[in-house]
Amino acid sequence: DGEFEITTLLLPKGPASSVVEQTPVTGGRGFEIRNEQSRDIVLVRDRGAELAKMASWVSDFDCVWMRFIEGASVPSEMVLLGKGRLELAGGEIVESSEQFLYVRN
């Protein structure tokens, strides 16, 4: 019997229905949640992995949530759990020694 993990995403019920898709991540799990107004990305680093890599995003935070509004390439809001850094296409976006960080543009 091996270990396994279950990831649960709680989505608000509202007039706009959301579509959830799992996205490829090296060293973790990734999800994209889309609706008419926004696109959210959730990036969860595996416990044993040094980095979680998803397309152009790289992070060593334990968990990252990012909200993109109306096709924007930069998130309008982020929640970052655990100490670490977040990079986009090789450029550092956030580095923090705080266990919890909320960023809003």
Protein backbone atom coordinates (compact mmCIF):
# COMPACT_ATOMS: atom_id res chain seq x y z
CA ASP A 1 0.00 0.00 0.00
CA GLY A 2 1.50 3.32 -1.10
CA GLU A 3 0.78 6.86 -0.15
CA PHE A 4 -1.77 8.95 -2.00
CA GLU A 5 -3.07 12.49 -1.75
CA ILE A 6 -6.46 14.00 -2.42
CA THR A 7 -6.83 17.63 -3.44
CA THR A 8 -10.19 19.31 -2.85
CA LEU A 9 -11.09 22.63 -4.43
CA LEU A 10 -14.05 24.59 -3.04
CA LEU A 11 -15.76 26.72 -5.66
CA PRO A 12 -18.39 29.38 -4.99
CA LYS A 13 -21.82 28.79 -6.44
CA GLY A 14 -22.91 31.74 -8.50
CA PRO A 15 -24.37 32.83 -11.79
CA ALA A 16 -21.15 32.04 -13.69
CA SER A 17 -20.28 28.36 -13.80
CA SER A 18 -16.62 27.43 -13.39
CA VAL A 19 -14.61 24.88 -15.35
CA VAL A 20 -11.80 23.11 -13.48
CA GLU A 21 -8.95 21.34 -15.27
CA GLN A 22 -5.83 19.73 -13.88
CA THR A 23 -2.69 21.05 -15.60
CA PRO A 24 0.72 19.38 -15.93
CA VAL A 25 3.17 20.22 -13.13
CA THR A 26 6.60 18.80 -12.40
CA GLY A 27 7.09 18.42 -8.65
CA GLY A 28 3.46 19.07 -7.71
CA ARG A 29 -0.10 19.46 -8.91
CA GLY A 30 -1.72 22.29 -10.79
CA PHE A 31 -5.27 23.34 -11.51
CA GLU A 32 -6.85 25.98 -13.69
CA ILE A 33 -10.31 27.29 -12.79
CA ARG A 34 -12.03 29.41 -15.45
CA ASN A 35 -15.28 31.32 -15.58
CA GLU A 36 -16.58 34.29 -17.55
CA GLN A 37 -14.76 36.91 -15.42
CA SER A 38 -11.49 35.30 -14.38
CA ARG A 39 -8.97 32.50 -14.57
CA ASP A 40 -7.44 31.09 -11.37
CA ILE A 41 -4.30 28.98 -11.15
CA VAL A 42 -3.57 26.79 -8.14
CA LEU A 43 -0.07 25.34 -7.84
CA VAL A 44 0.65 22.84 -5.04
CA ARG A 45 4.25 21.69 -4.50
CA ASP A 46 4.80 18.04 -3.56
CA ARG A 47 6.25 17.60 -0.07
CA GLY A 48 9.41 15.94 -1.35
CA ALA A 49 9.97 18.28 -4.30
CA GLU A 50 12.27 21.29 -4.22
CA LEU A 51 10.28 23.14 -6.92
CA ALA A 52 6.90 22.97 -8.60
CA LYS A 53 7.14 23.83 -12.31
CA MET A 54 4.10 24.63 -14.43
CA ALA A 55 4.53 25.97 -17.97
CA SER A 56 6.30 29.31 -17.36
CA TRP A 57 5.61 29.40 -13.56
CA VAL A 58 8.15 28.04 -11.04
CA SER A 59 7.65 28.09 -7.26
CA ASP A 60 9.01 26.65 -4.06
CA PHE A 61 6.05 27.92 -1.99
CA ASP A 62 3.93 25.09 -0.56
CA CYS A 63 0.84 26.41 -2.33
CA VAL A 64 0.13 29.30 -4.71
CA TRP A 65 -3.25 30.68 -5.81
CA MET A 66 -3.32 33.35 -8.54
CA ARG A 67 -6.29 35.17 -10.08
CA PHE A 68 -6.10 36.64 -13.58
CA ILE A 69 -8.83 39.04 -14.73
CA GLU A 70 -10.01 39.31 -18.36
CA GLY A 71 -7.04 37.73 -20.15
CA ALA A 72 -4.31 39.52 -18.16
CA SER A 73 -0.83 37.95 -18.19
CA VAL A 74 -0.05 39.11 -14.63
CA PRO A 75 -2.20 38.06 -11.65
CA SER A 76 -4.42 40.65 -9.98
CA GLU A 77 -4.38 38.71 -6.67
CA MET A 78 -2.19 36.01 -5.14
CA VAL A 79 -2.13 33.95 -1.96
CA LEU A 80 1.17 32.22 -1.19
CA LEU A 81 1.59 29.67 1.60
CA GLY A 82 4.98 28.72 3.05
CA LYS A 83 8.24 30.58 2.60
CA GLY A 84 9.61 30.80 -0.92
CA ARG A 85 9.70 32.48 -4.29
CA LEU A 86 7.56 32.61 -7.40
CA GLU A 87 9.00 33.09 -10.88
CA LEU A 88 7.44 33.79 -14.27
CA ALA A 89 9.54 32.92 -17.34
CA GLY A 90 12.74 33.06 -15.27
CA GLY A 91 11.99 36.44 -13.66
CA GLU A 92 11.24 36.66 -9.95
CA ILE A 93 7.71 37.87 -9.14
CA VAL A 94 7.67 37.35 -5.36
CA GLU A 95 10.14 36.25 -2.69
CA SER A 96 9.02 36.00 0.92
CA SER A 97 10.12 34.61 4.25
CA GLU A 98 6.55 34.88 5.58
CA GLN A 99 4.43 31.74 6.04
CA PHE A 100 1.39 33.50 4.55
CA LEU A 101 1.40 36.27 1.96
CA TYR A 102 -1.50 38.00 0.19
CA VAL A 103 -0.64 40.24 -2.77
CA ARG A 104 -3.08 42.42 -4.67
CA ASN A 105 -2.29 44.59 -7.71
